[in-house]
C-alpha atoms as a PDB file:
ATOM      1  CA  MET A   1       0.000   0.000   0.000  1.00  0.00           C
ATOM      2  CA  ASN A   2       1.470   3.361  -1.056  1.00  0.00           C
ATOM      3  CA  LYS A   3       1.972   6.116   1.536  1.00  0.00           C
ATOM      4  CA  ALA A   4       1.131   9.718   0.659  1.00  0.00           C
ATOM      5  CA  PRO A   5       3.864  12.357   1.050  1.00  0.00           C
ATOM      6  CA  TRP A   6       1.605  14.439   3.345  1.00  0.00           C
ATOM      7  CA  LEU A   7       0.040  13.884   6.745  1.00  0.00           C
ATOM      8  CA  ASP A   8      -3.646  14.392   7.412  1.00  0.00           C
ATOM      9  CA  TYR A   9      -4.904  17.420   9.353  1.00  0.00           C
ATOM     10  CA  ALA A  10      -4.402  15.566  12.665  1.00  0.00           C
ATOM     11  CA  GLY A  11      -0.826  14.544  11.787  1.00  0.00           C
ATOM     12  CA  SER A  12      -1.499  10.898  10.844  1.00  0.00           C
ATOM     13  CA  GLU A  13      -0.061   9.101   7.824  1.00  0.00           C
ATOM     14  CA  VAL A  14      -2.305   8.688   4.779  1.00  0.00           C
ATOM     15  CA  HIS A  15      -2.217   5.590   2.573  1.00  0.00           C
ATOM     16  CA  GLU A  16      -3.807   4.510  -0.679  1.00  0.00           C
ATOM     17  CA  GLY A  17      -7.261   3.113   0.090  1.00  0.00           C
ATOM     18  CA  ASP A  18      -7.712   5.081   3.339  1.00  0.00           C
ATOM     19  CA  ARG A  19     -10.985   6.874   3.941  1.00  0.00           C
ATOM     20  CA  ILE A  20     -10.692  10.541   4.899  1.00  0.00           C
ATOM     21  CA  ARG A  21     -13.411  12.691   6.454  1.00  0.00           C
ATOM     22  CA  HIS A  22     -13.910  16.451   6.618  1.00  0.00           C
ATOM     23  CA  PRO A  23     -15.446  18.277   9.619  1.00  0.00           C
ATOM     24  CA  SER A  24     -18.606  18.652   7.489  1.00  0.00           C
ATOM     25  CA  GLY A  25     -18.990  14.854   7.478  1.00  0.00           C
ATOM     26  CA  GLU A  26     -18.142  14.462   3.792  1.00  0.00           C
ATOM     27  CA  ASP A  27     -15.780  11.584   3.190  1.00  0.00           C
ATOM     28  CA  GLY A  28     -13.886   9.962   0.343  1.00  0.00           C
ATOM     29  CA  VAL A  29     -11.340   7.284  -0.488  1.00  0.00           C
ATOM     30  CA  VAL A  30      -7.672   8.061  -1.171  1.00  0.00           C
ATOM     31  CA  VAL A  31      -6.571   6.997  -4.663  1.00  0.00           C
ATOM     32  CA  TYR A  32      -3.023   6.693  -6.042  1.00  0.00           C
ATOM     33  CA  LEU A  33      -2.573   7.267  -9.798  1.00  0.00           C
ATOM     34  CA  ALA A  34       0.796   5.703 -10.669  1.00  0.00           C
ATOM     35  CA  ASP A  35       0.721   6.995 -14.263  1.00  0.00           C
ATOM     36  CA  GLU A  36       0.962  10.635 -13.142  1.00  0.00           C
ATOM     37  CA  ASP A  37       4.391  12.280 -12.698  1.00  0.00           C
ATOM     38  CA  GLU A  38       3.936  14.762  -9.841  1.00  0.00           C
ATOM     39  CA  PRO A  39       2.786  13.851  -6.294  1.00  0.00           C
ATOM     40  CA  GLU A  40       0.065  16.521  -6.455  1.00  0.00           C
ATOM     41  CA  ASP A  41      -1.396  14.702  -9.473  1.00  0.00           C
ATOM     42  CA  GLN A  42      -0.754  11.138  -8.254  1.00  0.00           C
ATOM     43  CA  TRP A  43      -2.622  11.460  -4.961  1.00  0.00           C
ATOM     44  CA  ARG A  44      -6.368  12.074  -5.265  1.00  0.00           C
ATOM     45  CA  VAL A  45      -9.583  11.584  -3.337  1.00  0.00           C
ATOM     46  CA  ASP A  46     -12.667   9.907  -4.794  1.00  0.00           C
ATOM     47  CA  TYR A  47     -15.811  11.375  -3.241  1.00  0.00           C
ATOM     48  CA  GLY A  48     -18.021   9.278  -5.517  1.00  0.00           C
ATOM     49  CA  HIS A  49     -20.207  12.114  -6.812  1.00  0.00           C
ATOM     50  CA  VAL A  50     -17.593  14.424  -8.366  1.00  0.00           C
ATOM     51  CA  GLY A  51     -14.308  14.002 -10.219  1.00  0.00           C
ATOM     52  CA  LEU A  52     -11.168  13.085  -8.328  1.00  0.00           C
ATOM     53  CA  SER A  53      -9.860  15.889  -6.093  1.00  0.00           C
ATOM     54  CA  ARG A  54      -6.218  16.498  -5.237  1.00  0.00           C
ATOM     55  CA  LEU A  55      -5.418  15.025  -1.835  1.00  0.00           C
ATOM     56  CA  CYS A  56      -2.976  17.800  -0.914  1.00  0.00           C
ATOM     57  CA  LEU A  57      -5.825  20.342  -1.039  1.00  0.00           C
ATOM     58  CA  GLN A  58      -8.026  18.279   1.300  1.00  0.00           C
ATOM     59  CA  LEU A  59      -5.588  17.951   4.210  1.00  0.00           C
ATOM     60  CA  GLY A  60      -4.688  21.569   5.044  1.00  0.00           C
ATOM     61  CA  ASP A  61      -6.423  24.354   6.938  1.00  0.00           C
ATOM     62  CA  LYS A  62      -9.156  24.660   4.321  1.00  0.00           C
ATOM     63  CA  GLY A  63     -10.117  20.984   3.994  1.00  0.00           C
ATOM     64  CA  GLN A  64      -9.126  19.729   7.464  1.00  0.00           C
ATOM     65  CA  ALA A  65      -9.632  16.092   6.424  1.00  0.00           C
ATOM     66  CA  VAL A  66      -8.464  13.282   8.688  1.00  0.00           C
ATOM     67  CA  VAL A  67      -8.068   9.548   8.142  1.00  0.00           C
ATOM     68  CA  VAL A  68     -10.991   7.533   9.511  1.00  0.00           C
ATOM     69  CA  ARG A  69      -9.768   4.404  11.265  1.00  0.00           C
END
């Protein structure tokens, strides 16, 4: 299982296949796209109802997503 180069908002490691959740309750599954060249493009989140979102944008002060264990 691949490990993302960023930590979640709470400081935990993020891996391919992990589920992340935002304070709003919205959650998605972490996806790794090996065919992409840059980490920002390789690591995405599948929310199921929209296109894949960049993981790096979900984990910071704006997104505040954490891994659900």
